[in-house]
């Protein structure tokens, strides 16, 4: 496995303007800001449930994310801050 993947697993905070399905591999994330990302959908939000350490998430102004994602995110019991 390349060294970049090893370091990515230890990543604690990530702020990116675009969406990536690889987010589910970053299980150590504690904070994620996907605000204003038009490409994130309810299916993409469902992948975030693999990020079990997530305590802060911003999905503000993500036009393709519906209220149905709130139910999915309820499984993230450590999520203390959610912008929707």
C-alpha atoms as a PDB file:
ATOM      1  CA  UNK A   1       0.000   0.000   0.000  1.00  0.00           C
ATOM      2  CA  UNK A   2       1.456   3.427  -0.916  1.00  0.00           C
ATOM      3  CA  UNK A   3       2.566   5.683   1.945  1.00  0.00           C
ATOM      4  CA  UNK A   4      -0.075   8.285   1.041  1.00  0.00           C
ATOM      5  CA  UNK A   5      -2.851   5.817   1.854  1.00  0.00           C
ATOM      6  CA  UNK A   6      -1.263   4.995   5.208  1.00  0.00           C
ATOM      7  CA  UNK A   7      -1.155   8.681   6.130  1.00  0.00           C
ATOM      8  CA  UNK A   8      -4.693   9.281   4.851  1.00  0.00           C
ATOM      9  CA  UNK A   9      -6.072   6.802   7.360  1.00  0.00           C
ATOM     10  CA  UNK A  10      -4.632   8.967  10.156  1.00  0.00           C
ATOM     11  CA  UNK A  11      -6.209  12.141   8.779  1.00  0.00           C
ATOM     12  CA  UNK A  12      -8.297  13.923  11.410  1.00  0.00           C
ATOM     13  CA  UNK A  13      -9.724  16.932   9.559  1.00  0.00           C
ATOM     14  CA  UNK A  14     -10.529  17.450   5.895  1.00  0.00           C
ATOM     15  CA  UNK A  15     -12.076  20.377   4.069  1.00  0.00           C
ATOM     16  CA  UNK A  16     -12.591  19.923   0.337  1.00  0.00           C
ATOM     17  CA  UNK A  17     -14.780  21.702  -2.192  1.00  0.00           C
ATOM     18  CA  UNK A  18     -15.580  18.552  -4.180  1.00  0.00           C
ATOM     19  CA  UNK A  19     -16.953  15.152  -3.261  1.00  0.00           C
ATOM     20  CA  UNK A  20     -15.150  11.831  -3.392  1.00  0.00           C
ATOM     21  CA  UNK A  21     -16.381   8.295  -2.827  1.00  0.00           C
ATOM     22  CA  UNK A  22     -13.059   7.566  -1.129  1.00  0.00           C
ATOM     23  CA  UNK A  23     -14.276   9.441   1.969  1.00  0.00           C
ATOM     24  CA  UNK A  24     -15.629   6.207   3.390  1.00  0.00           C
ATOM     25  CA  UNK A  25     -12.022   4.951   3.594  1.00  0.00           C
ATOM     26  CA  UNK A  26     -11.063   7.825   5.909  1.00  0.00           C
ATOM     27  CA  UNK A  27     -12.461   6.303   9.070  1.00  0.00           C
ATOM     28  CA  UNK A  28     -10.395   8.561  11.380  1.00  0.00           C
ATOM     29  CA  UNK A  29     -12.056  11.762  10.203  1.00  0.00           C
ATOM     30  CA  UNK A  30     -13.545  13.821  12.993  1.00  0.00           C
ATOM     31  CA  UNK A  31     -14.604  16.872  10.970  1.00  0.00           C
ATOM     32  CA  UNK A  32     -15.770  17.188   7.382  1.00  0.00           C
ATOM     33  CA  UNK A  33     -17.057  20.195   5.453  1.00  0.00           C
ATOM     34  CA  UNK A  34     -18.796  19.416   2.170  1.00  0.00           C
ATOM     35  CA  UNK A  35     -20.847  22.631   2.084  1.00  0.00           C
ATOM     36  CA  UNK A  36     -21.901  23.857  -1.351  1.00  0.00           C
ATOM     37  CA  UNK A  37     -20.920  20.592  -2.996  1.00  0.00           C
ATOM     38  CA  UNK A  38     -23.557  20.047  -5.692  1.00  0.00           C
ATOM     39  CA  UNK A  39     -22.307  16.541  -6.481  1.00  0.00           C
ATOM     40  CA  UNK A  40     -22.921  15.008  -3.056  1.00  0.00           C
ATOM     41  CA  UNK A  41     -26.182  13.069  -2.929  1.00  0.00           C
ATOM     42  CA  UNK A  42     -28.069  11.010  -0.373  1.00  0.00           C
ATOM     43  CA  UNK A  43     -26.100   7.985  -1.598  1.00  0.00           C
ATOM     44  CA  UNK A  44     -22.851   9.846  -0.915  1.00  0.00           C
ATOM     45  CA  UNK A  45     -24.029  10.802   2.552  1.00  0.00           C
ATOM     46  CA  UNK A  46     -24.777   7.137   3.230  1.00  0.00           C
ATOM     47  CA  UNK A  47     -21.096   6.356   2.576  1.00  0.00           C
ATOM     48  CA  UNK A  48     -20.143   8.736   5.381  1.00  0.00           C
ATOM     49  CA  UNK A  49     -21.583   6.345   7.963  1.00  0.00           C
ATOM     50  CA  UNK A  50     -18.270   4.473   7.681  1.00  0.00           C
ATOM     51  CA  UNK A  51     -16.628   7.547   9.263  1.00  0.00           C
ATOM     52  CA  UNK A  52     -17.639   6.516  12.758  1.00  0.00           C
ATOM     53  CA  UNK A  53     -15.448   9.133  14.488  1.00  0.00           C
ATOM     54  CA  UNK A  54     -17.127  12.031  12.724  1.00  0.00           C
ATOM     55  CA  UNK A  55     -18.210  14.661  15.248  1.00  0.00           C
ATOM     56  CA  UNK A  56     -18.751  17.662  12.930  1.00  0.00           C
ATOM     57  CA  UNK A  57     -20.261  17.616   9.447  1.00  0.00           C
ATOM     58  CA  UNK A  58     -21.364  20.399   7.136  1.00  0.00           C
ATOM     59  CA  UNK A  59     -23.713  19.621   4.265  1.00  0.00           C
ATOM     60  CA  UNK A  60     -25.051  23.180   4.065  1.00  0.00           C
ATOM     61  CA  UNK A  61     -26.271  24.210   0.621  1.00  0.00           C
ATOM     62  CA  UNK A  62     -25.740  20.728  -0.856  1.00  0.00           C
ATOM     63  CA  UNK A  63     -28.671  20.879  -3.251  1.00  0.00           C
ATOM     64  CA  UNK A  64     -28.735  17.145  -4.009  1.00  0.00           C
ATOM     65  CA  UNK A  65     -28.972  16.061  -0.353  1.00  0.00           C
ATOM     66  CA  UNK A  66     -32.474  15.570   1.006  1.00  0.00           C
ATOM     67  CA  UNK A  67     -33.911  15.328   4.503  1.00  0.00           C
ATOM     68  CA  UNK A  68     -33.758  11.529   4.119  1.00  0.00           C
ATOM     69  CA  UNK A  69     -30.034  11.810   4.839  1.00  0.00           C
ATOM     70  CA  UNK A  70     -30.804  12.951   8.371  1.00  0.00           C
ATOM     71  CA  UNK A  71     -32.130   9.498   9.169  1.00  0.00           C
ATOM     72  CA  UNK A  72     -28.982   7.882   7.754  1.00  0.00           C
ATOM     73  CA  UNK A  73     -26.756  10.238   9.746  1.00  0.00           C
ATOM     74  CA  UNK A  74     -28.560   9.374  12.984  1.00  0.00           C
ATOM     75  CA  UNK A  75     -26.368   6.265  13.079  1.00  0.00           C
ATOM     76  CA  UNK A  76     -23.328   8.474  13.707  1.00  0.00           C
ATOM     77  CA  UNK A  77     -23.787   8.687  17.464  1.00  0.00           C
ATOM     78  CA  UNK A  78     -20.716  10.893  17.966  1.00  0.00           C
ATOM     79  CA  UNK A  79     -21.963  13.559  15.555  1.00  0.00           C
ATOM     80  CA  UNK A  80     -22.261  16.650  17.741  1.00  0.00           C
ATOM     81  CA  UNK A  81     -22.429  19.329  15.037  1.00  0.00           C
ATOM     82  CA  UNK A  82     -24.364  19.134  11.773  1.00  0.00           C
ATOM     83  CA  UNK A  83     -24.940  21.959   9.297  1.00  0.00           C
ATOM     84  CA  UNK A  84     -27.712  20.954   6.914  1.00  0.00           C
END
